[in-house]
Each structure stands twice: as structure tokens, then as C-alpha cells.
Protein backbone atom coordinates (compact mmCIF):
# COMPACT_ATOMS: atom_id res chain seq x y z
CA UNK A 1 -0.14 -0.14 -0.11
CA UNK A 2 2.74 2.11 0.94
CA UNK A 3 4.48 1.20 -2.45
CA UNK A 4 1.49 2.46 -4.27
CA UNK A 5 1.07 5.61 -2.37
CA UNK A 6 4.64 6.77 -3.27
CA UNK A 7 4.20 5.65 -6.96
CA UNK A 8 0.86 7.71 -6.99
CA UNK A 9 2.57 10.84 -5.66
CA UNK A 10 5.37 10.56 -7.71
CA UNK A 11 3.20 10.81 -10.80
CA UNK A 12 1.14 13.51 -9.65
CA UNK A 13 4.67 15.55 -9.03
CA UNK A 14 5.59 14.26 -12.59
CA UNK A 15 2.24 15.55 -14.12
CA UNK A 16 2.47 18.91 -12.23
CA UNK A 17 5.82 19.61 -13.30
CA UNK A 18 4.96 18.79 -17.17
CA UNK A 19 1.87 20.87 -16.77
CA UNK A 20 4.48 23.58 -15.64
CA UNK A 21 6.88 23.12 -17.94
CA UNK A 22 4.08 23.38 -20.74
CA UNK A 23 2.61 26.38 -19.08
CA UNK A 24 6.57 28.02 -19.40
CA UNK A 25 6.74 26.94 -22.44
CA UNK A 26 3.51 28.27 -23.92
CA UNK A 27 4.55 31.62 -21.91
CA UNK A 28 7.81 31.81 -23.76
CA UNK A 29 6.30 31.07 -27.02
CA UNK A 30 3.49 34.06 -26.34
CA UNK A 31 6.29 36.25 -25.26
CA UNK A 32 8.56 35.44 -28.01
CA UNK A 33 5.48 35.97 -30.63
CA UNK A 34 4.55 39.31 -28.70
CA UNK A 35 8.37 40.82 -28.98
CA UNK A 36 8.76 39.63 -32.68
CA UNK A 37 5.26 41.21 -33.59
CA UNK A 38 6.34 44.47 -31.56
CA UNK A 39 9.72 44.38 -33.62
CA UNK A 40 7.79 43.84 -36.92
CA UNK A 41 5.05 46.70 -35.75
CA UNK A 42 8.03 49.03 -35.03
CA UNK A 43 9.88 48.46 -38.31
CA UNK A 44 6.53 49.01 -40.23
CA UNK A 45 5.87 52.17 -37.98
CA UNK A 46 9.48 53.67 -39.28
CA UNK A 47 8.67 52.85 -42.88
CA UNK A 48 5.49 54.18 -43.30
CA UNK A 49 5.78 56.99 -40.58
CA UNK A 50 3.05 55.51 -38.52
CA UNK A 51 2.61 56.80 -35.03
CA UNK A 52 -0.42 54.39 -34.23
CA UNK A 53 1.84 51.54 -35.41
CA UNK A 54 4.38 52.56 -32.81
CA UNK A 55 2.07 52.74 -29.99
CA UNK A 56 1.08 49.27 -30.85
CA UNK A 57 4.64 48.10 -30.47
CA UNK A 58 4.95 49.74 -27.11
CA UNK A 59 2.07 48.26 -25.74
CA UNK A 60 3.11 44.94 -26.53
CA UNK A 61 6.35 45.31 -25.33
CA UNK A 62 6.37 48.55 -22.75
CA UNK A 63 9.98 47.79 -21.37
CA UNK A 64 11.67 47.50 -25.09
CA UNK A 65 14.04 50.30 -25.71
CA UNK A 66 14.27 49.89 -29.36
CA UNK A 67 10.31 50.58 -29.61
CA UNK A 68 10.67 53.55 -27.22
CA UNK A 69 13.09 54.88 -29.35
CA UNK A 70 11.44 54.26 -32.69
CA UNK A 71 8.23 55.84 -31.27
CA UNK A 72 10.39 58.95 -29.92
CA UNK A 73 11.65 59.22 -33.39
CA UNK A 74 8.14 59.44 -34.96
CA UNK A 75 6.96 61.78 -32.24
CA UNK A 76 10.00 64.18 -32.78
CA UNK A 77 9.27 64.34 -36.30
CA UNK A 78 5.88 65.37 -35.81
CA UNK A 79 7.25 68.19 -33.08
CA UNK A 80 5.86 66.13 -30.07
CA UNK A 81 9.19 66.67 -28.14
CA UNK A 82 7.61 66.42 -24.78
CA UNK A 83 6.16 62.84 -25.56
CA UNK A 84 9.24 61.86 -27.33
CA UNK A 85 11.26 62.75 -24.61
CA UNK A 86 9.08 60.85 -22.11
CA UNK A 87 9.71 57.48 -23.99
CA UNK A 88 13.55 58.36 -24.20
CA UNK A 89 13.60 58.85 -20.59
CA UNK A 90 12.33 55.24 -19.95
CA UNK A 91 14.61 53.84 -22.89
CA UNK A 92 17.59 55.18 -21.34
CA UNK A 93 16.43 53.53 -17.79
CA UNK A 94 16.09 50.34 -19.50
CA UNK A 95 19.27 50.65 -21.50
CA UNK A 96 21.46 53.01 -19.61
CA UNK A 97 24.58 52.44 -21.69
CA UNK A 98 23.44 53.29 -25.18
CA UNK A 99 24.97 56.55 -26.08
CA UNK A 100 22.48 57.14 -28.86
CA UNK A 101 19.50 57.18 -26.53
CA UNK A 102 20.97 59.79 -24.37
CA UNK A 103 22.13 61.69 -27.27
CA UNK A 104 18.48 61.89 -28.63
CA UNK A 105 17.22 62.38 -25.37
CA UNK A 106 19.45 65.39 -25.18
CA UNK A 107 18.66 66.76 -28.56
CA UNK A 108 14.70 66.56 -27.77
CA UNK A 109 15.20 68.04 -24.30
CA UNK A 110 17.01 70.86 -26.20
CA UNK A 111 14.16 71.23 -28.51
CA UNK A 112 11.82 72.05 -25.33
CA UNK A 113 14.17 74.62 -24.20
CA UNK A 114 15.75 72.87 -21.51
CA UNK A 115 19.26 73.65 -21.99
CA UNK A 116 20.69 72.07 -18.56
CA UNK A 117 18.78 68.87 -18.86
CA UNK A 118 20.04 68.67 -22.43
CA UNK A 119 23.67 68.89 -21.38
CA UNK A 120 23.05 66.36 -18.23
CA UNK A 121 21.67 63.66 -20.85
CA UNK A 122 24.42 64.42 -23.51
CA UNK A 123 27.24 64.45 -20.75
CA UNK A 124 26.10 60.68 -20.18
CA UNK A 125 26.41 60.17 -24.39
CA UNK A 126 29.63 61.44 -24.13
CA UNK A 127 30.64 59.23 -21.14
CA UNK A 128 29.52 56.43 -22.84
CA UNK A 129 30.74 57.11 -26.26
CA UNK A 130 34.15 59.25 -25.21
CA UNK A 131 35.47 59.41 -28.80
CA UNK A 132 32.38 59.36 -30.76
CA UNK A 133 32.38 63.00 -32.69
CA UNK A 134 29.00 63.65 -32.80
CA UNK A 135 28.23 63.09 -29.26
CA UNK A 136 31.16 65.65 -28.33
CA UNK A 137 29.90 67.98 -31.27
CA UNK A 138 26.18 68.29 -29.70
CA UNK A 139 27.78 68.45 -25.99
CA UNK A 140 30.11 71.16 -26.87
CA UNK A 141 27.23 73.06 -28.91
CA UNK A 142 25.11 72.98 -25.70
CA UNK A 143 28.36 74.16 -23.83
CA UNK A 144 28.79 77.35 -26.00
CA UNK A 145 24.98 78.36 -25.38
CA UNK A 146 25.74 77.85 -21.57
CA UNK A 147 28.58 80.60 -21.88
CA UNK A 148 31.42 77.82 -21.09
CA UNK A 149 33.49 78.35 -23.94
CA UNK A 150 36.77 76.74 -23.21
CA UNK A 151 34.86 73.57 -22.17
CA UNK A 152 32.94 73.99 -25.47
CA UNK A 153 35.46 74.31 -27.63
CA UNK A 154 37.50 71.37 -25.84
CA UNK A 155 34.56 69.25 -27.10
CA UNK A 156 34.47 70.69 -30.57
CA UNK A 157 38.14 70.26 -31.01
CA UNK A 158 38.06 66.53 -30.02
CA UNK A 159 34.87 66.11 -32.18
CA UNK A 160 36.94 67.51 -34.98
CA UNK A 161 39.68 65.31 -34.51
CA UNK A 162 37.75 62.42 -34.56
CA UNK A 163 36.05 63.40 -37.52
CA UNK A 164 37.64 66.19 -40.03
CA UNK A 165 34.39 66.92 -41.21
CA UNK A 166 33.55 68.96 -38.35
CA UNK A 167 37.05 71.07 -38.84
CA UNK A 168 35.38 74.17 -40.96
CA UNK A 169 32.34 74.49 -38.42
CA UNK A 170 34.84 74.90 -35.31
CA UNK A 171 37.01 77.39 -37.23
CA UNK A 172 33.74 79.17 -38.26
CA UNK A 173 32.29 79.38 -34.94
CA UNK A 174 35.55 80.41 -33.48
CA UNK A 175 35.79 83.29 -36.11
CA UNK A 176 32.81 84.26 -35.32
CA UNK A 177 33.05 84.33 -31.35
CA UNK A 178 36.35 86.07 -31.61
CA UNK A 179 35.06 88.81 -33.70
CA UNK A 180 37.32 87.64 -36.71
CA UNK A 181 40.59 87.94 -34.83
CA UNK A 182 42.69 85.45 -35.89
CA UNK A 183 44.96 84.89 -33.30
CA UNK A 184 42.10 84.41 -30.97
CA UNK A 185 40.62 81.90 -33.34
CA UNK A 186 43.60 79.56 -33.69
CA UNK A 187 43.48 79.63 -29.62
CA UNK A 188 39.77 78.72 -29.31
CA UNK A 189 39.91 76.21 -32.13
CA UNK A 190 42.90 74.89 -30.72
CA UNK A 191 44.88 74.71 -34.18
CA UNK A 192 47.59 72.15 -33.54
CA UNK A 193 48.16 69.54 -35.90
CA UNK A 194 49.67 69.80 -39.42
CA UNK A 195 45.88 69.14 -40.93
CA UNK A 196 44.47 71.85 -38.83
CA UNK A 197 47.37 74.35 -39.54
CA UNK A 198 46.97 73.68 -43.27
CA UNK A 199 42.97 74.17 -43.31
CA UNK A 200 43.11 77.36 -41.12
CA UNK A 201 45.66 78.67 -43.24
CA UNK A 202 43.37 78.32 -46.64
CA UNK A 203 40.46 79.78 -44.33
CA UNK A 204 42.47 82.85 -43.29
CA UNK A 205 43.66 83.27 -47.01
CA UNK A 206 40.05 83.04 -48.12
CA UNK A 207 39.18 85.76 -45.79
CA UNK A 208 41.83 88.38 -47.12
CA UNK A 209 44.09 88.47 -44.21
CA UNK A 210 47.40 88.24 -45.71
CA UNK A 211 50.09 88.68 -43.19
CA UNK A 212 48.07 86.38 -40.68
CA UNK A 213 48.23 83.61 -43.59
CA UNK A 214 51.64 84.09 -43.90
CA UNK A 215 52.55 83.87 -40.54
CA UNK A 216 50.56 80.38 -40.23
CA UNK A 217 52.23 79.20 -43.43
CA UNK A 218 55.87 79.77 -42.45
CA UNK A 219 54.94 77.73 -39.10
CA UNK A 220 55.29 74.52 -41.45
CA UNK A 221 55.53 75.48 -44.94
CA UNK A 222 56.57 71.42 -45.76
CA UNK A 223 53.12 70.46 -44.48
CA UNK A 224 51.40 71.78 -47.60
CA UNK A 225 50.83 69.86 -50.63
CA UNK A 226 51.60 71.60 -53.97
CA UNK A 227 48.03 72.14 -54.68
CA UNK A 228 47.06 73.24 -51.15
CA UNK A 229 49.88 75.74 -51.62
CA UNK A 230 48.09 77.04 -55.04
CA UNK A 231 45.13 77.15 -53.41
CA UNK A 232 46.65 79.62 -50.55
CA UNK A 233 48.37 81.90 -53.45
CA UNK A 234 44.82 81.68 -55.46
CA UNK A 235 42.82 82.71 -52.69
CA UNK A 236 45.16 85.53 -51.51
CA UNK A 237 45.25 86.92 -54.97
CA UNK A 238 41.41 86.75 -55.51
CA UNK A 239 41.28 88.63 -52.16
CA UNK A 240 43.97 91.35 -53.43
CA UNK A 241 46.49 90.05 -50.70
CA UNK A 242 49.36 90.16 -53.48
CA UNK A 243 52.43 90.94 -51.40
CA UNK A 244 51.51 88.00 -49.17
CA UNK A 245 50.54 85.92 -52.08
CA UNK A 246 54.23 86.44 -53.82
CA UNK A 247 56.23 85.57 -50.35
CA UNK A 248 54.14 82.37 -50.70
CA UNK A 249 54.70 81.73 -54.51
CA UNK A 250 58.46 82.47 -54.58
CA UNK A 251 59.29 79.70 -52.01
CA UNK A 252 58.71 77.32 -55.18
CA UNK A 253 59.53 80.01 -58.02
CA UNK A 254 63.11 79.44 -57.92
CA UNK A 255 63.75 83.13 -57.83
CA UNK A 256 68.10 83.50 -57.38
CA UNK A 257 68.40 87.34 -57.78
CA UNK A 258 64.81 88.92 -56.54
CA UNK A 259 64.34 92.28 -57.61
CA UNK A 260 61.54 94.88 -57.14
CA UNK A 261 59.68 95.61 -59.52
CA UNK A 262 60.28 92.28 -61.49
CA UNK A 263 58.80 90.40 -64.61
CA UNK A 264 59.33 86.92 -63.72
CA UNK A 265 61.22 84.67 -66.81
CA UNK A 266 61.01 87.79 -69.11
CA UNK A 267 62.86 85.68 -71.58
CA UNK A 268 61.02 82.73 -71.50
CA UNK A 269 63.72 80.72 -70.69
CA UNK A 270 61.66 78.13 -68.30
CA UNK A 271 58.54 75.98 -69.21
CA UNK A 272 55.12 77.22 -70.01
CA UNK A 273 52.06 75.82 -68.71
CA UNK A 274 48.27 76.64 -68.56
CA UNK A 275 46.47 77.81 -65.71
CA UNK A 276 49.73 78.58 -63.76
CA UNK A 277 48.90 80.38 -60.19
CA UNK A 278 50.86 82.81 -58.82
CA UNK A 279 53.32 85.38 -60.55
CA UNK A 280 54.95 83.76 -63.46
CA UNK A 281 53.15 83.78 -67.16
CA UNK A 282 49.47 82.81 -66.87
CA UNK A 283 47.74 81.35 -69.73
CA UNK A 284 44.38 79.95 -69.47
CA UNK A 285 43.55 76.84 -71.30
CA UNK A 286 39.66 77.35 -71.90
CA UNK A 287 40.04 80.73 -73.57
CA UNK A 288 43.57 80.76 -75.30
CA UNK A 289 42.46 82.28 -78.57
CA UNK A 290 45.98 81.64 -80.22
CA UNK A 291 48.83 79.00 -80.17
CA UNK A 292 51.78 79.59 -77.94
CA UNK A 293 55.22 77.74 -78.02
CA UNK A 294 58.51 78.44 -76.77
CA UNK A 295 60.73 78.80 -80.11
CA UNK A 296 64.75 78.07 -79.77
CA UNK A 297 65.37 79.23 -83.25
CA UNK A 298 64.26 82.81 -82.79
CA UNK A 299 65.25 84.94 -79.76
CA UNK A 300 66.46 88.32 -78.92
CA UNK A 301 68.03 87.19 -75.85
CA UNK A 302 69.01 84.02 -74.30
CA UNK A 303 68.00 80.87 -75.98
CA UNK A 304 64.09 80.90 -76.40
CA UNK A 305 61.32 83.25 -76.80
CA UNK A 306 57.52 82.97 -76.98
CA UNK A 307 55.91 82.72 -80.30
CA UNK A 308 52.11 83.19 -80.69
CA UNK A 309 50.74 81.82 -83.84
CA UNK A 310 46.92 83.20 -84.91
CA UNK A 311 45.01 81.43 -86.85
CA UNK A 312 41.31 83.00 -87.20
CA UNK A 313 38.90 84.20 -85.01
CA UNK A 314 39.60 85.28 -81.44
CA UNK A 315 37.85 87.10 -79.19
CA UNK A 316 39.99 90.66 -78.70
CA UNK A 317 38.66 91.07 -75.43
CA UNK A 318 40.37 88.01 -73.91
CA UNK A 319 44.03 88.17 -72.79
CA UNK A 320 46.28 85.92 -74.92
CA UNK A 321 48.77 85.35 -71.91
CA UNK A 322 49.46 87.80 -69.03
CA UNK A 323 51.61 88.04 -65.80
CA UNK A 324 50.79 90.01 -62.17
CA UNK A 325 53.47 92.01 -61.17
CA UNK A 326 54.06 93.62 -57.86
CA UNK A 327 54.71 97.44 -58.02
CA UNK A 328 54.17 100.67 -55.64
CA UNK A 329 51.60 103.06 -55.61
CA UNK A 330 51.88 106.41 -57.23
CA UNK A 331 55.27 105.29 -59.03
CA UNK A 332 55.97 106.18 -62.70
CA UNK A 333 57.42 102.59 -64.32
CA UNK A 334 59.13 101.86 -67.99
CA UNK A 335 58.29 98.58 -69.49
CA UNK A 336 60.69 97.36 -72.15
CA UNK A 337 60.28 94.20 -74.34
CA UNK A 338 61.36 92.84 -77.86
CA UNK A 339 59.01 92.10 -80.61
CA UNK A 340 59.18 90.33 -83.92
CA UNK A 341 56.25 89.89 -86.20
CA UNK A 342 55.63 88.11 -89.27
CA UNK A 343 52.50 88.22 -91.71
CA UNK A 344 50.11 89.72 -89.38
CA UNK A 345 46.66 89.86 -91.09
CA UNK A 346 43.94 91.42 -89.01
CA UNK A 347 41.75 94.81 -88.54
CA UNK A 348 42.75 94.53 -84.59
CA UNK A 349 46.31 94.13 -84.13
CA UNK A 350 48.01 93.11 -80.85
CA UNK A 351 49.34 95.32 -78.10
CA UNK A 352 50.77 94.97 -74.70
CA UNK A 353 48.07 96.34 -71.90
CA UNK A 354 48.97 97.20 -68.22
CA UNK A 355 46.05 97.70 -65.56
CA UNK A 356 45.43 97.75 -61.83
CA UNK A 357 45.31 94.07 -60.72
CA UNK A 358 42.59 94.58 -58.13
CA UNK A 359 40.32 97.25 -60.01
CA UNK A 360 41.07 96.86 -63.67
CA UNK A 361 42.09 100.51 -64.13
CA UNK A 362 44.16 100.70 -67.32
CA UNK A 363 47.40 102.53 -66.72
CA UNK A 364 49.03 102.18 -70.18
CA UNK A 365 48.97 100.15 -73.50
CA UNK A 366 51.97 99.65 -75.94
CA UNK A 367 51.54 100.90 -79.57
CA UNK A 368 49.97 98.18 -81.74
CA UNK A 369 52.57 95.59 -82.99
CA UNK A 370 53.57 96.08 -86.65
CA UNK A 371 52.16 93.39 -89.26
CA UNK A 372 55.72 92.77 -90.47
CA UNK A 373 59.16 93.14 -88.96
CA UNK A 374 62.67 92.35 -90.58
CA UNK A 375 64.10 91.71 -87.11
CA UNK A 376 63.54 92.32 -83.77
CA UNK A 377 62.29 95.82 -82.32
CA UNK A 378 62.96 97.15 -78.78
CA UNK A 379 59.58 98.85 -77.55
CA UNK A 380 58.99 100.58 -74.24
CA UNK A 381 55.70 102.19 -72.86
CA UNK A 382 55.45 103.93 -69.68
CA UNK A 383 53.04 104.01 -67.01
CA UNK A 384 52.03 105.80 -63.68
CA UNK A 385 50.28 103.77 -60.88
CA UNK A 386 47.20 104.82 -58.48
CA UNK A 387 47.00 105.54 -54.97
CA UNK A 388 46.62 102.16 -53.25
CA UNK A 389 47.82 100.19 -56.46
CA UNK A 390 49.80 97.22 -55.07
CA UNK A 391 50.21 94.76 -58.36
CA UNK A 392 49.41 95.57 -61.98
CA UNK A 393 48.41 92.80 -64.72
CA UNK A 394 50.82 93.16 -67.97
CA UNK A 395 48.56 91.18 -70.82
CA UNK A 396 49.03 90.21 -74.43
CA UNK A 397 45.79 91.42 -76.03
CA UNK A 398 44.28 92.59 -79.52
CA UNK A 399 42.54 95.60 -80.36
CA UNK A 400 39.04 95.42 -81.68
CA UNK A 401 37.85 95.48 -85.14
CA UNK A 402 35.27 98.38 -86.52
CA UNK A 403 32.86 95.81 -86.72
CA UNK A 404 31.95 92.34 -87.49
CA UNK A 405 34.13 89.39 -87.29
CA UNK A 406 37.61 90.05 -86.05
CA UNK A 407 39.86 87.52 -87.16
CA UNK A 408 43.97 87.67 -87.15
CA UNK A 409 46.73 85.30 -88.81
CA UNK A 410 50.06 85.35 -88.52
CA UNK A 411 52.87 85.07 -86.03
CA UNK A 412 54.17 87.19 -83.24
CA UNK A 413 57.42 86.59 -81.30
CA UNK A 414 58.04 88.28 -77.95
CA UNK A 415 61.19 88.19 -75.69
CA UNK A 416 63.38 90.36 -73.08
CA UNK A 417 60.64 91.98 -70.92
CA UNK A 418 62.02 94.26 -68.08
CA UNK A 419 60.30 96.70 -66.05
CA UNK A 420 62.20 99.69 -64.27
CA UNK A 421 61.06 102.45 -61.84
CA UNK A 422 61.52 105.97 -62.92
CA UNK A 423 62.17 109.01 -61.02
CA UNK A 424 58.96 110.69 -60.67
């Protein structure tokens, strides 16, 4: 009897345990199904921008941080920042180490005007992701509005170190807060690395800050690639900072006997290239109305001359070749050059033009070139610069025709350019 009772009791226990296991499995199945359906609704809500679907997902899994975050995103898009903040506060309690959740909570609090609350949330985001550029950037911006400038630029500079795309914004902010003071901008933006210095130098050049650009460049000239150096020179010349541009350009120009004023390579002994930047001969590839070449068979001095061959239509208003030259204001100059021509046929003959590099004011023109010369001719013309003039552009151009098309044919050789300052 005792053995039978024990057997029955054991069977009852086994039955109870089996029933419990089945109930647990059923419960787990429904929980998994509920969780899976919640995730499905969450994805659907985000794709279709459906807040009702997000509500259903949260009702199925109220402790799921992802469902809360998804609904918060949709609520924020609908400008319902209070409701979005509530969801994100719950989500950060569930998943406290998620920097993205803290970041979004901070941004939503900021939208509500809760700057201190935004800072606390973004501070948590940075603590959980100390090297993530976006969290540093957002906390830095909050710190700026709180007036904590040093701490703000610590964050902003670290963000730019982590992601260089932020560097232009850091420098722009520093430039604005410093009232466009280059030295204070460098201190605020914490310009330190070669990359930062190169970018800052180019920024200063674009603002026309010639002396400050030159100072930054000279701190480490080797950090600049050839293209970066050309960009600095181009920016300075565009903003009329010619003297500072020249100081940078001459580091690569192999100038052995620097004179002032000076026409660089006036005898065309060096190479000739299109779209050169700086203070050498400039020929624009897209607009060159003639064929240019260095001629070793014809030269008035040295071993070469410039040959210009005209083959028909060309715009008289476009310079064929030009050079920017540093000069002094209100000073009298003489420009001398050698010219030779062959069979020039046109109603608009070539000549040399001298104008202010900044304003375009024409100071002088050479006589029009003869249609044919038996030999080289030395030609001179004089000009007096205006007050404020720092550089002039010397260019080969054509006179306009009296009307209609203005073709030109034939060849011109140029050589032995020089410029000298005359007594007033």
C-alpha cells in the first residue's frame, strides 16, 4: 500500500511538473511572439511614419528600448518633443549604456528649451562614447550656449579630431566668437596639428588676411601639398593680398636674384604651362585664342622666345598671356620688351596692356604691333600707378575691329621683358 501511494504521489508530481513546463513553454512562446510582432510593428512604423503602429509596438513590449526609441523618433518628427522625451527617458532607464539614446534624449530636451537637462543627457552620451564625434559636437554646442567657451571648444576640437568634417564648423564658430580675430580663433579652435594648420591657413587666405596667412604658412611650409599651396596663393590673389601671396609663391619659383619690381622669366627661358597660379606667365587653357610655344630658333636674348600663332577667329577682349607684377603705388614705371612679327593680317592688331590687378583700371597700352618686322624691335612704354595699387597685370591682347567678325592670322614673337622704376 505504501509503495502504491509513493508511486501515485510521484506520478502526480511529474504531472504537475510537466504541466508547469508546458505552461512555461507556452508563456515563452507567446512572449517571443509578442516581442517578434512588436519588432515587426516597429519596423513598419518607421517605414510608414505611423505613430499608431508605434503605439501598438510599445503596448506589446513597454520595456523594449528600441520600440520606445522608434516611437520617440516619430513623435519628434511630428514636433511632439514632450512625448518623445518621455519615451527616451524610459528607454535610457532600460538601457543606460546606450550613447545613442542619451544623445537623442539630449537633443529632444534641447528642443524643449531645457538646456541644463540637455547638457546632462549629452554628458551621459559622451561618458558612454568618449571618442564619438557627434556626441562631443552636440555637447560642445550646448556648452557654447551655456557660455562655457573653453569647455565647449575642448569638445568641439575633439569632435574635429575624431571626424575632420567638423573642422570647418569649429573654425567658423571660433572666427565668429572672436570677432574675426585670427590669433584668438587659432586659440579657441585649438589649431595644433599639420592638417588643422593647413586648413586654417586656407581659411585665413579666403578671408583676405594676408599677413596672418603668411604667419601660419611659415610655421610649417612643408605641411602643404603643391595643390594646397596653390590654393592659398589663389585665394590671397583673389582677395588682393598680392604681397603675401608673392612671399608664398616665391618659395617654389626658384628666384635667385629677387628684384623689385620684377617681370618673372621675361626671356621665356623656363617652361610654359596652362593655368599656372602665381606671378609667372599665365595662359588660360579654356580661353586661349592662339597657339603658344617656346621657340629656340628665334630669340632676341637667351635661348628662347615666346611664339604666338594666330589662326583665325579670336575674341579681342580676352588676354592671350599675362603676368601679375608687384609694384608701388603712385610710381612711374617703364616696361621694355622685344617684338618680332610675321604676316599679321587683322583689323585688330596685338598690343600690350597694363592695368591695376585689383580694380582693372588701365594705366597704359603699348603701341600696336607692326604687321611685319625685318628683325627684332625693342619697344618701351610708360605708366604711373594709382594710389593704393599694389600689383598690375601685364597682358598681351588685341585691339577690337571696327565691326563684324575680327579674325587674325600670322605670328608674333616676344622676348626680353623688363620693368624699371623711373624718377618722378
